[in-house]
Protein backbone atom coordinates (compact mmCIF):
# COMPACT_ATOMS: atom_id res chain seq x y z
CA UNK A 1 -24.15 32.25 -7.22
CA UNK A 2 -22.74 34.61 -9.84
CA UNK A 3 -19.43 34.64 -8.00
CA UNK A 4 -19.47 30.85 -7.80
CA UNK A 5 -20.04 30.64 -11.55
CA UNK A 6 -17.16 33.04 -12.19
CA UNK A 7 -14.81 31.06 -9.96
CA UNK A 8 -15.91 27.84 -11.68
CA UNK A 9 -15.29 29.28 -15.14
CA UNK A 10 -11.67 30.13 -14.34
CA UNK A 11 -10.96 26.88 -12.49
CA UNK A 12 -10.68 28.22 -8.93
CA UNK A 13 -12.37 25.19 -7.41
CA UNK A 14 -11.96 26.06 -3.74
CA UNK A 15 -13.44 29.54 -4.20
CA UNK A 16 -16.31 28.15 -6.28
CA UNK A 17 -17.01 25.46 -3.68
CA UNK A 18 -17.08 27.99 -0.85
CA UNK A 19 -19.34 30.39 -2.76
CA UNK A 20 -21.87 27.68 -3.60
CA UNK A 21 -21.68 26.28 -0.06
CA UNK A 22 -22.49 29.73 1.33
CA UNK A 23 -25.64 29.98 -0.79
CA UNK A 24 -26.75 26.38 -0.15
CA UNK A 25 -28.09 23.86 -2.66
CA UNK A 26 -31.73 24.89 -2.45
CA UNK A 27 -32.85 26.62 -5.62
CA UNK A 28 -29.87 25.54 -7.72
CA UNK A 29 -30.69 24.40 -11.23
CA UNK A 30 -29.63 20.93 -12.41
CA UNK A 31 -26.71 22.52 -14.30
CA UNK A 32 -25.61 24.43 -11.20
CA UNK A 33 -25.92 21.29 -9.07
CA UNK A 34 -23.74 19.48 -11.61
CA UNK A 35 -21.12 22.26 -11.47
CA UNK A 36 -21.20 22.28 -7.69
CA UNK A 37 -20.70 18.50 -7.63
CA UNK A 38 -17.65 18.95 -9.85
CA UNK A 39 -16.09 21.53 -7.53
CA UNK A 40 -16.91 19.41 -4.46
CA UNK A 41 -15.23 16.38 -5.98
CA UNK A 42 -12.15 18.31 -7.09
CA UNK A 43 -11.56 19.74 -3.61
CA UNK A 44 -12.15 16.37 -1.93
CA UNK A 45 -15.70 16.78 -0.62
CA UNK A 46 -17.13 13.44 -1.70
CA UNK A 47 -20.28 13.58 0.45
CA UNK A 48 -21.20 16.98 -0.99
CA UNK A 49 -20.60 15.67 -4.52
CA UNK A 50 -22.97 12.76 -3.92
CA UNK A 51 -25.65 14.98 -2.38
CA UNK A 52 -25.52 17.46 -5.25
CA UNK A 53 -25.66 14.77 -7.94
CA UNK A 54 -28.54 12.99 -6.21
CA UNK A 55 -30.50 16.23 -6.21
CA UNK A 56 -29.55 16.78 -9.85
CA UNK A 57 -30.91 13.35 -10.82
CA UNK A 58 -34.25 14.12 -9.14
CA UNK A 59 -34.40 17.62 -10.65
CA UNK A 60 -33.60 16.35 -14.16
CA UNK A 61 -36.23 13.63 -13.96
CA UNK A 62 -38.82 16.13 -12.68
CA UNK A 63 -38.04 18.37 -15.64
CA UNK A 64 -38.29 15.45 -18.08
CA UNK A 65 -34.55 15.59 -18.85
CA UNK A 66 -33.85 11.85 -18.74
CA UNK A 67 -30.56 12.19 -20.57
CA UNK A 68 -29.31 14.70 -17.98
CA UNK A 69 -30.43 12.38 -15.19
CA UNK A 70 -28.56 9.48 -16.83
CA UNK A 71 -25.33 11.50 -16.95
CA UNK A 72 -25.64 12.37 -13.27
CA UNK A 73 -26.28 8.70 -12.46
CA UNK A 74 -23.14 7.82 -14.44
CA UNK A 75 -21.02 10.21 -12.36
CA UNK A 76 -22.53 8.88 -9.15
CA UNK A 77 -21.67 5.32 -10.15
CA UNK A 78 -18.09 6.22 -11.05
CA UNK A 79 -17.45 8.26 -7.91
CA UNK A 80 -19.00 5.85 -5.43
CA UNK A 81 -16.99 3.00 -6.98
CA UNK A 82 -13.77 5.01 -6.55
CA UNK A 83 -14.63 5.58 -2.88
CA UNK A 84 -15.12 1.92 -2.04
CA UNK A 85 -18.92 1.85 -2.20
CA UNK A 86 -19.63 -0.99 -4.66
CA UNK A 87 -23.30 -1.44 -3.78
CA UNK A 88 -24.05 2.24 -4.42
CA UNK A 89 -21.99 2.12 -7.61
CA UNK A 90 -23.97 -0.89 -8.88
CA UNK A 91 -27.25 0.76 -7.96
CA UNK A 92 -26.47 3.98 -9.81
CA UNK A 93 -25.23 2.01 -12.82
CA UNK A 94 -28.56 0.20 -12.94
CA UNK A 95 -30.37 3.54 -12.64
CA UNK A 96 -28.37 4.95 -15.55
CA UNK A 97 -29.24 1.91 -17.69
CA UNK A 98 -32.94 2.29 -16.88
CA UNK A 99 -32.92 6.01 -17.70
CA UNK A 100 -31.25 5.44 -21.06
CA UNK A 101 -33.72 2.66 -21.85
CA UNK A 102 -36.52 5.05 -21.01
CA UNK A 103 -35.11 7.65 -23.40
CA UNK A 104 -35.60 5.07 -26.10
CA UNK A 105 -33.64 6.73 -28.89
CA UNK A 106 -29.96 6.57 -29.67
CA UNK A 107 -27.99 9.16 -27.70
CA UNK A 108 -24.54 9.89 -26.26
CA UNK A 109 -25.73 8.70 -22.86
CA UNK A 110 -25.90 5.16 -24.22
CA UNK A 111 -22.16 5.49 -24.68
CA UNK A 112 -21.70 6.53 -21.06
CA UNK A 113 -23.73 3.52 -19.94
CA UNK A 114 -21.58 1.29 -22.15
CA UNK A 115 -18.58 2.74 -20.34
CA UNK A 116 -20.00 1.67 -16.97
CA UNK A 117 -20.74 -1.81 -18.29
CA UNK A 118 -17.15 -2.00 -19.54
CA UNK A 119 -15.91 -1.53 -15.97
CA UNK A 120 -18.17 -4.31 -14.77
CA UNK A 121 -16.73 -6.62 -17.43
CA UNK A 122 -13.15 -5.72 -16.45
CA UNK A 123 -13.98 -6.48 -12.81
CA UNK A 124 -15.23 -9.90 -13.90
CA UNK A 125 -12.08 -10.51 -15.97
CA UNK A 126 -14.10 -10.58 -19.20
CA UNK A 127 -11.83 -8.50 -21.41
CA UNK A 128 -13.58 -9.53 -24.61
CA UNK A 129 -16.85 -7.99 -23.39
CA UNK A 130 -14.95 -5.04 -21.95
CA UNK A 131 -13.41 -4.36 -25.35
CA UNK A 132 -16.82 -4.52 -27.03
CA UNK A 133 -18.32 -2.07 -24.50
CA UNK A 134 -15.39 0.30 -24.93
CA UNK A 135 -15.96 0.26 -28.70
CA UNK A 136 -19.68 0.97 -28.15
CA UNK A 137 -18.79 3.99 -26.01
CA UNK A 138 -16.28 5.22 -28.58
CA UNK A 139 -18.74 4.94 -31.48
CA UNK A 140 -21.41 6.80 -29.51
CA UNK A 141 -18.90 9.55 -28.73
CA UNK A 142 -18.08 9.90 -32.43
CA UNK A 143 -21.72 9.96 -33.52
CA UNK A 144 -22.73 12.62 -31.03
CA UNK A 145 -19.44 14.57 -30.91
CA UNK A 146 -19.14 14.12 -27.14
CA UNK A 147 -15.56 15.19 -26.42
CA UNK A 148 -15.53 13.92 -22.82
CA UNK A 149 -16.79 10.50 -23.80
CA UNK A 150 -14.40 10.41 -26.75
CA UNK A 151 -11.39 10.97 -24.48
CA UNK A 152 -12.59 8.49 -21.85
CA UNK A 153 -13.51 5.76 -24.32
CA UNK A 154 -10.27 6.18 -26.28
CA UNK A 155 -8.31 5.78 -23.06
CA UNK A 156 -10.42 2.76 -22.10
CA UNK A 157 -9.83 1.13 -25.49
CA UNK A 158 -6.11 1.63 -24.94
CA UNK A 159 -6.14 -0.08 -21.56
CA UNK A 160 -8.22 -2.99 -22.87
CA UNK A 161 -5.82 -3.38 -25.80
CA UNK A 162 -2.89 -3.56 -23.37
CA UNK A 163 -4.65 -6.20 -21.27
CA UNK A 164 -5.29 -8.14 -24.47
CA UNK A 165 -1.58 -8.05 -25.39
CA UNK A 166 -1.87 -5.57 -28.27
CA UNK A 167 0.76 -3.22 -26.84
CA UNK A 168 1.37 -1.08 -29.91
CA UNK A 169 -2.30 -0.25 -30.41
CA UNK A 170 -2.87 0.16 -26.68
CA UNK A 171 -0.12 2.74 -26.21
CA UNK A 172 -1.13 4.59 -29.38
CA UNK A 173 -4.68 4.93 -28.07
CA UNK A 174 -3.44 6.18 -24.70
CA UNK A 175 -1.39 8.82 -26.52
CA UNK A 176 -4.49 9.80 -28.51
CA UNK A 177 -6.51 10.25 -25.32
CA UNK A 178 -3.76 12.26 -23.64
CA UNK A 179 -3.49 14.66 -26.57
CA UNK A 180 -7.20 15.41 -26.21
CA UNK A 181 -6.65 16.22 -22.53
CA UNK A 182 -3.56 18.42 -22.83
CA UNK A 183 -5.19 20.40 -25.64
CA UNK A 184 -8.00 21.38 -23.24
CA UNK A 185 -10.82 19.58 -25.07
CA UNK A 186 -12.36 17.89 -22.02
CA UNK A 187 -13.92 18.87 -18.70
CA UNK A 188 -11.84 18.85 -15.47
CA UNK A 189 -13.05 15.59 -13.91
CA UNK A 190 -12.74 13.67 -17.15
CA UNK A 191 -9.29 15.17 -17.77
CA UNK A 192 -8.10 13.97 -14.37
CA UNK A 193 -9.45 10.47 -14.91
CA UNK A 194 -7.82 10.19 -18.34
CA UNK A 195 -4.49 11.47 -17.02
CA UNK A 196 -4.36 8.92 -14.22
CA UNK A 197 -5.76 6.00 -16.20
CA UNK A 198 -3.32 6.51 -19.08
CA UNK A 199 -0.26 6.98 -16.85
CA UNK A 200 -1.16 3.92 -14.80
CA UNK A 201 -1.41 1.89 -17.99
CA UNK A 202 2.06 3.00 -19.11
CA UNK A 203 3.50 2.24 -15.67
CA UNK A 204 2.02 -1.27 -15.63
CA UNK A 205 4.02 -2.16 -18.74
CA UNK A 206 7.17 -0.32 -17.55
CA UNK A 207 7.01 2.32 -20.28
CA UNK A 208 8.63 4.91 -18.02
CA UNK A 209 9.44 7.34 -20.81
CA UNK A 210 5.70 7.83 -21.30
CA UNK A 211 5.12 7.85 -17.55
CA UNK A 212 7.63 10.69 -17.20
CA UNK A 213 6.18 12.72 -20.07
CA UNK A 214 2.56 12.42 -19.01
CA UNK A 215 3.31 12.83 -15.30
CA UNK A 216 4.98 16.17 -16.07
CA UNK A 217 1.84 17.20 -17.97
CA UNK A 218 -0.36 16.05 -15.07
CA UNK A 219 1.76 18.04 -12.64
CA UNK A 220 1.34 21.21 -14.71
CA UNK A 221 -2.39 20.58 -14.94
CA UNK A 222 -2.71 20.15 -11.16
CA UNK A 223 -0.61 23.24 -10.38
CA UNK A 224 -2.80 25.41 -12.61
CA UNK A 225 -5.94 24.74 -10.54
CA UNK A 226 -6.16 26.41 -7.09
CA UNK A 227 -7.59 24.20 -4.37
CA UNK A 228 -7.40 20.99 -6.40
CA UNK A 229 -7.12 17.86 -4.24
CA UNK A 230 -8.51 15.13 -6.51
CA UNK A 231 -5.85 13.49 -8.70
CA UNK A 232 -2.96 15.07 -6.75
CA UNK A 233 -2.44 11.77 -4.92
CA UNK A 234 -2.01 9.92 -8.21
CA UNK A 235 0.39 12.61 -9.35
CA UNK A 236 2.50 12.08 -6.21
CA UNK A 237 2.53 8.29 -6.70
CA UNK A 238 3.77 8.60 -10.26
CA UNK A 239 6.42 11.13 -9.23
CA UNK A 240 7.52 8.65 -6.57
CA UNK A 241 7.76 5.80 -9.09
CA UNK A 242 9.96 7.91 -11.35
CA UNK A 243 12.13 9.06 -8.44
CA UNK A 244 12.60 5.46 -7.32
CA UNK A 245 13.69 4.45 -10.81
CA UNK A 246 16.19 7.31 -10.96
CA UNK A 247 17.66 6.54 -7.55
CA UNK A 248 16.20 9.45 -5.53
CA UNK A 249 14.84 7.04 -2.93
CA UNK A 250 14.34 9.45 -0.03
CA UNK A 251 12.35 11.76 -2.29
CA UNK A 252 10.33 8.80 -3.56
CA UNK A 253 9.36 7.79 -0.02
CA UNK A 254 8.25 11.35 0.70
CA UNK A 255 6.06 11.33 -2.42
CA UNK A 256 4.46 8.04 -1.39
CA UNK A 257 3.71 9.48 2.07
CA UNK A 258 2.23 12.61 0.46
CA UNK A 259 0.10 10.49 -1.86
CA UNK A 260 -1.20 8.39 1.04
CA UNK A 261 -2.18 11.55 2.91
CA UNK A 262 -4.02 12.92 -0.13
CA UNK A 263 -5.82 9.61 -0.65
CA UNK A 264 -6.91 9.53 2.98
CA UNK A 265 -8.31 13.03 2.65
CA UNK A 266 -10.24 11.90 -0.43
CA UNK A 267 -11.48 8.73 1.26
CA UNK A 268 -10.08 6.26 -1.30
CA UNK A 269 -8.62 3.35 0.74
CA UNK A 270 -7.61 1.19 -2.23
CA UNK A 271 -5.26 3.92 -3.40
CA UNK A 272 -3.67 4.16 0.07
CA UNK A 273 -2.86 0.46 -0.28
CA UNK A 274 -1.00 1.18 -3.50
CA UNK A 275 1.30 3.66 -1.73
CA UNK A 276 1.97 1.03 0.95
CA UNK A 277 3.07 -1.52 -1.68
CA UNK A 278 5.36 1.02 -3.35
CA UNK A 279 6.83 1.93 0.04
CA UNK A 280 7.37 -1.72 0.92
CA UNK A 281 9.15 -2.40 -2.36
CA UNK A 282 11.59 0.43 -1.76
CA UNK A 283 12.27 -0.37 1.91
CA UNK A 284 12.98 -3.97 0.89
CA UNK A 285 15.68 -2.82 -1.53
CA UNK A 286 17.24 -0.81 1.29
CA UNK A 287 17.37 -3.84 3.55
CA UNK A 288 14.75 -2.53 5.98
CA UNK A 289 12.92 -5.84 6.05
CA UNK A 290 10.81 -5.03 9.11
CA UNK A 291 9.68 -1.73 7.62
CA UNK A 292 8.91 -3.42 4.30
CA UNK A 293 6.91 -6.14 6.04
CA UNK A 294 4.87 -3.53 7.92
CA UNK A 295 4.16 -1.65 4.68
CA UNK A 296 3.06 -4.83 2.91
CA UNK A 297 0.81 -5.66 5.87
CA UNK A 298 -0.83 -2.22 5.60
CA UNK A 299 -1.55 -2.91 1.95
CA UNK A 300 -3.02 -6.33 2.76
CA UNK A 301 -5.18 -4.83 5.51
CA UNK A 302 -6.63 -2.47 2.88
CA UNK A 303 -7.43 -5.39 0.56
CA UNK A 304 -4.49 -5.03 -1.84
CA UNK A 305 -2.29 -8.07 -2.51
CA UNK A 306 1.35 -7.03 -1.87
CA UNK A 307 2.74 -9.76 -4.11
CA UNK A 308 5.18 -10.32 -5.69
CA UNK A 309 7.09 -7.88 -3.48
CA UNK A 310 6.20 -9.91 -0.39
CA UNK A 311 7.67 -13.07 -1.95
CA UNK A 312 10.94 -11.20 -2.56
CA UNK A 313 10.87 -10.03 1.06
CA UNK A 314 10.49 -13.61 2.24
CA UNK A 315 13.38 -14.59 -0.01
CA UNK A 316 15.58 -11.85 1.48
CA UNK A 317 14.55 -13.02 4.98
CA UNK A 318 15.66 -16.59 4.28
CA UNK A 319 12.10 -17.92 3.87
CA UNK A 320 12.74 -19.39 0.45
CA UNK A 321 10.06 -22.10 0.82
CA UNK A 322 7.37 -19.47 1.50
CA UNK A 323 8.62 -17.34 -1.38
CA UNK A 324 8.53 -20.28 -3.77
CA UNK A 325 5.01 -21.27 -2.67
CA UNK A 326 3.76 -17.73 -3.29
CA UNK A 327 5.36 -17.63 -6.72
CA UNK A 328 3.91 -21.02 -7.63
CA UNK A 329 0.45 -19.72 -6.72
CA UNK A 330 0.87 -16.49 -8.68
CA UNK A 331 2.18 -18.27 -11.77
CA UNK A 332 -0.76 -20.66 -11.70
CA UNK A 333 -3.40 -17.94 -11.43
CA UNK A 334 -5.10 -16.59 -14.57
CA UNK A 335 -3.32 -13.43 -15.70
CA UNK A 336 -2.93 -11.40 -18.87
CA UNK A 337 0.31 -10.04 -20.32
CA UNK A 338 0.15 -6.82 -18.29
CA UNK A 339 -0.07 -8.70 -14.99
CA UNK A 340 2.73 -11.02 -16.13
CA UNK A 341 5.00 -8.00 -16.76
CA UNK A 342 4.98 -7.29 -13.03
CA UNK A 343 5.15 -10.92 -11.90
CA UNK A 344 7.81 -12.49 -14.14
CA UNK A 345 11.00 -10.69 -12.95
CA UNK A 346 10.22 -11.54 -9.32
CA UNK A 347 9.21 -15.12 -10.14
CA UNK A 348 12.46 -15.70 -12.05
CA UNK A 349 14.50 -14.36 -9.12
CA UNK A 350 12.77 -16.67 -6.65
CA UNK A 351 13.05 -19.72 -8.89
CA UNK A 352 16.75 -19.16 -9.50
CA UNK A 353 17.34 -18.74 -5.76
CA UNK A 354 15.64 -22.11 -5.32
CA UNK A 355 17.91 -23.68 -7.93
CA UNK A 356 15.09 -24.29 -10.40
CA UNK A 357 16.75 -23.11 -13.60
CA UNK A 358 14.56 -25.28 -15.79
CA UNK A 359 11.38 -23.48 -14.69
CA UNK A 360 13.00 -20.05 -14.76
CA UNK A 361 14.25 -20.31 -18.34
CA UNK A 362 10.86 -20.33 -20.17
CA UNK A 363 9.66 -17.48 -17.96
CA UNK A 364 12.69 -15.42 -18.95
CA UNK A 365 11.93 -16.17 -22.58
CA UNK A 366 8.29 -15.14 -22.04
CA UNK A 367 9.45 -11.85 -20.52
CA UNK A 368 11.77 -11.30 -23.49
CA UNK A 369 8.93 -11.91 -25.93
CA UNK A 370 6.66 -9.45 -24.13
CA UNK A 371 9.44 -6.85 -23.99
CA UNK A 372 10.15 -7.27 -27.70
CA UNK A 373 6.50 -6.72 -28.61
CA UNK A 374 6.24 -3.69 -26.34
CA UNK A 375 9.54 -1.98 -27.03
CA UNK A 376 9.79 -0.25 -23.63
CA UNK A 377 13.40 0.26 -22.60
CA UNK A 378 13.10 -0.66 -18.91
CA UNK A 379 11.15 -3.83 -19.61
CA UNK A 380 13.67 -4.82 -22.29
CA UNK A 381 16.44 -4.28 -19.75
CA UNK A 382 14.63 -6.44 -17.20
CA UNK A 383 14.22 -9.18 -19.79
CA UNK A 384 17.91 -9.09 -20.73
CA UNK A 385 18.91 -9.23 -17.06
CA UNK A 386 16.60 -12.19 -16.47
CA UNK A 387 18.07 -14.08 -19.44
CA UNK A 388 21.58 -13.37 -18.19
CA UNK A 389 20.75 -14.53 -14.66
CA UNK A 390 19.31 -17.77 -16.02
CA UNK A 391 22.38 -18.52 -18.13
CA UNK A 392 24.68 -17.72 -15.21
CA UNK A 393 22.72 -20.03 -12.90
CA UNK A 394 22.84 -22.72 -15.58
CA UNK A 395 26.64 -22.62 -15.56
CA UNK A 396 27.19 -20.64 -18.78
CA UNK A 397 28.83 -17.36 -17.69
CA UNK A 398 30.12 -16.66 -21.19
CA UNK A 399 26.60 -16.96 -22.58
CA UNK A 400 25.18 -14.84 -19.78
CA UNK A 401 27.56 -11.89 -20.15
CA UNK A 402 26.16 -10.38 -23.40
CA UNK A 403 22.66 -10.31 -21.90
CA UNK A 404 23.91 -8.57 -18.78
CA UNK A 405 25.94 -6.04 -20.77
CA UNK A 406 22.80 -5.21 -22.73
CA UNK A 407 20.77 -4.89 -19.52
CA UNK A 408 23.34 -2.51 -18.02
CA UNK A 409 23.35 -0.38 -21.14
CA UNK A 410 19.56 -0.13 -21.34
CA UNK A 411 19.20 0.67 -17.64
CA UNK A 412 21.89 3.32 -17.92
CA UNK A 413 20.04 4.89 -20.86
CA UNK A 414 16.87 4.93 -18.76
CA UNK A 415 18.77 6.58 -15.86
CA UNK A 416 17.99 3.65 -13.57
CA UNK A 417 21.15 3.45 -11.41
CA UNK A 418 20.11 0.69 -9.00
CA UNK A 419 19.01 -1.70 -11.73
CA UNK A 420 22.08 -0.86 -13.82
CA UNK A 421 24.30 -1.67 -10.83
CA UNK A 422 22.55 -5.02 -10.30
CA UNK A 423 23.26 -5.89 -13.92
CA UNK A 424 26.93 -4.94 -13.41
CA UNK A 425 27.19 -7.12 -10.32
CA UNK A 426 25.81 -10.11 -12.22
CA UNK A 427 28.22 -9.37 -15.06
CA UNK A 428 31.06 -9.36 -12.52
CA UNK A 429 30.02 -12.83 -11.43
CA UNK A 430 30.31 -13.97 -15.03
CA UNK A 431 33.80 -12.47 -15.24
CA UNK A 432 34.89 -14.11 -11.98
CA UNK A 433 33.65 -17.46 -13.23
CA UNK A 434 35.79 -17.01 -16.36
CA UNK A 435 38.89 -16.04 -14.37
CA UNK A 436 38.92 -12.39 -15.41
CA UNK A 437 39.31 -11.08 -11.85
CA UNK A 438 40.57 -7.60 -12.76
CA UNK A 439 37.59 -6.81 -14.99
CA UNK A 440 35.26 -8.22 -12.34
CA UNK A 441 36.83 -5.99 -9.69
CA UNK A 442 36.17 -2.88 -11.78
CA UNK A 443 32.52 -3.84 -12.26
CA UNK A 444 32.03 -4.67 -8.59
CA UNK A 445 33.69 -1.50 -7.34
CA UNK A 446 31.46 0.65 -9.56
CA UNK A 447 28.33 -1.27 -8.60
CA UNK A 448 29.12 -1.08 -4.88
CA UNK A 449 29.59 2.69 -5.07
CA UNK A 450 26.07 3.02 -6.53
CA UNK A 451 24.54 0.71 -3.94
CA UNK A 452 26.17 2.62 -1.09
CA UNK A 453 25.03 5.97 -2.49
CA UNK A 454 21.44 4.74 -2.73
CA UNK A 455 21.46 3.04 0.65
CA UNK A 456 20.91 -0.40 -0.90
CA UNK A 457 22.72 -2.16 1.94
CA UNK A 458 22.10 -5.82 0.98
CA UNK A 459 23.50 -5.41 -2.52
CA UNK A 460 26.42 -3.28 -1.29
CA UNK A 461 27.31 -6.05 1.16
CA UNK A 462 27.10 -8.64 -1.60
CA UNK A 463 29.44 -6.59 -3.78
CA UNK A 464 31.91 -6.42 -0.87
CA UNK A 465 31.77 -10.18 -0.50
CA UNK A 466 32.55 -10.66 -4.17
CA UNK A 467 35.47 -8.24 -3.87
CA UNK A 468 37.31 -10.72 -1.61
CA UNK A 469 41.09 -10.87 -2.05
CA UNK A 470 42.26 -13.17 -4.82
CA UNK A 471 44.60 -15.09 -2.49
CA UNK A 472 42.34 -16.77 0.05
CA UNK A 473 43.55 -18.64 3.14
CA UNK A 474 42.86 -22.28 3.85
CA UNK A 475 42.57 -23.21 0.20
CA UNK A 476 39.12 -21.65 0.01
CA UNK A 477 37.59 -20.84 -3.36
CA UNK A 478 36.02 -17.42 -4.01
CA UNK A 479 32.53 -18.91 -3.71
CA UNK A 480 33.42 -20.66 -0.45
CA UNK A 481 34.72 -17.33 0.88
CA UNK A 482 31.37 -15.73 -0.07
CA UNK A 483 29.51 -18.41 1.87
CA UNK A 484 31.85 -18.11 4.86
CA UNK A 485 31.46 -14.33 5.03
CA UNK A 486 27.69 -14.64 5.19
CA UNK A 487 27.84 -17.41 7.78
CA UNK A 488 30.13 -15.23 9.89
CA UNK A 489 27.56 -12.44 9.55
CA UNK A 490 24.97 -14.72 11.13
CA UNK A 491 23.09 -15.78 8.02
CA UNK A 492 21.27 -19.11 7.95
CA UNK A 493 21.67 -21.52 5.05
CA UNK A 494 18.39 -20.36 3.42
CA UNK A 495 19.49 -16.74 3.75
CA UNK A 496 22.89 -17.51 2.21
CA UNK A 497 21.13 -19.32 -0.63
CA UNK A 498 18.84 -16.36 -1.26
CA UNK A 499 21.63 -13.77 -1.29
CA UNK A 500 23.97 -15.79 -3.52
CA UNK A 501 21.22 -17.14 -5.80
CA UNK A 502 22.05 -20.76 -4.96
CA UNK A 503 20.03 -23.74 -3.82
CA UNK A 504 20.13 -24.63 -0.13
CA UNK A 505 21.64 -28.00 -1.07
CA UNK A 506 24.54 -26.22 -2.81
CA UNK A 507 25.09 -23.99 0.22
CA UNK A 508 25.20 -27.05 2.49
CA UNK A 509 27.81 -28.65 0.21
CA UNK A 510 29.94 -25.50 0.25
CA UNK A 511 29.70 -25.36 4.05
CA UNK A 512 30.81 -28.99 4.33
CA UNK A 513 33.83 -28.24 2.12
CA UNK A 514 34.66 -25.17 4.23
CA UNK A 515 34.56 -27.17 7.47
CA UNK A 516 36.86 -29.77 5.93
CA UNK A 517 39.39 -27.29 4.56
CA UNK A 518 39.54 -25.26 7.76
CA UNK A 519 39.39 -28.32 10.03
CA UNK A 520 36.53 -26.92 12.09
CA UNK A 521 33.37 -28.62 13.26
CA UNK A 522 30.86 -25.82 13.73
CA UNK A 523 29.56 -22.58 12.25
CA UNK A 524 30.89 -20.71 15.30
CA UNK A 525 34.40 -22.00 14.74
CA UNK A 526 34.19 -21.22 11.02
CA UNK A 527 33.04 -17.67 11.83
CA UNK A 528 35.95 -17.25 14.24
CA UNK A 529 38.35 -18.34 11.48
CA UNK A 530 36.79 -15.81 9.14
CA UNK A 531 37.33 -12.97 11.62
CA UNK A 532 40.90 -14.06 12.39
CA UNK A 533 41.82 -14.09 8.70
CA UNK A 534 40.03 -10.93 7.58
CA UNK A 535 37.28 -12.70 5.68
CA UNK A 536 34.36 -11.23 7.68
């Protein structure tokens, strides 16, 4: 037991776990049981954590230490919730409430109970109550100088502020909580929870500069602790998200696979679903639609909604009606500003592909308003790209171009090559529409080089289509040549509409014009013409 205590003190969790396991739990004091539960949780032994904490609750109550029992009940509620055991989590929360009520007097443990009740309110979508409970926890932490509770409640207040739309205050509070962690003020389990909760909050609002900074700190923290398994899955997910943004897609997929493996070892199925969604999003960009669909199905099987990525997959597969129905449902569901940050770019893309510019325009403005209040570079770039796409679809390429130039600049500053290239391709469309073919060619050539390097096959193919020769046979226009190339490649009308961001009615009109100009009566004959004249 002395060796176990020494290993625990220096953060060698695997050695501490093994030493305590060798001695057995019989005869351990409540404090030793608590320490053993910490080591068990950090090395991924959830069942041992639960057993040790259950014994600690009984031992604390027998010794008359109701406050100690309440803390152990708190940890049991948190850990069972994270492992997909909601009934146990609710039961231990109720036990913690009863123990604190039995204590009678004001104490830090009331703050920990308030923290549990905050999570219940968030689960019910009651952010007003959640904010009040987070404040209760924070005030208790201040009164009783509880550094762990202070870090956790500060982080919680930050997340609630974000969900309430107060982005400046929310991010400032997350920074406050992270400083407490990196300065070594809090215990290991609490440090890990704050790291992951804060980084997730930054990622949800596309503040990738903070995600990068805090992920690097999390990585250093994980590396410094031998045998650590808990929180390493989250670290891998966040590394993957950053690698995807920066164009290292193969590395990102490896990180997602590593994270899924870590989550499976820890027994946290919801988190495995998250890695499946991230994987699906990336495979979709590469044009691996079957692989993306399988990844999204894995997420759905684990209870995680893969939208809006699945709607974009349906759009890329030519199922524009299904994509639009999904977007309509998502837009009509209650959601706060954080959820809208993730939904709006995809919804705008689907609506524009369906030819519904009027509905897309206010959503682009909403995204711009959110981005302006937040100030995050990537979200601002997404908003500018959405505004440009709307103006282009509305027939105003001159009005669209400044937005798309801004989007390209911001994405380039964020080292986001794929997104920057998409903005350049849209800008090229504006230039083509204004007759500036030479400038458009430069933009398209640069964008296509990026898409090919990343393996983003659908967008690379689209850039090649737009780089069609200026002198086209048969009196075809550049847009008609785009449609003909896709038809020759075997695309259906819905698929052509999705790839060119047109309505299906517009595609049908273009196809009718093509048949008339080429004097052909079928898609097969039109495709043959395209091959004969170098248009396919």
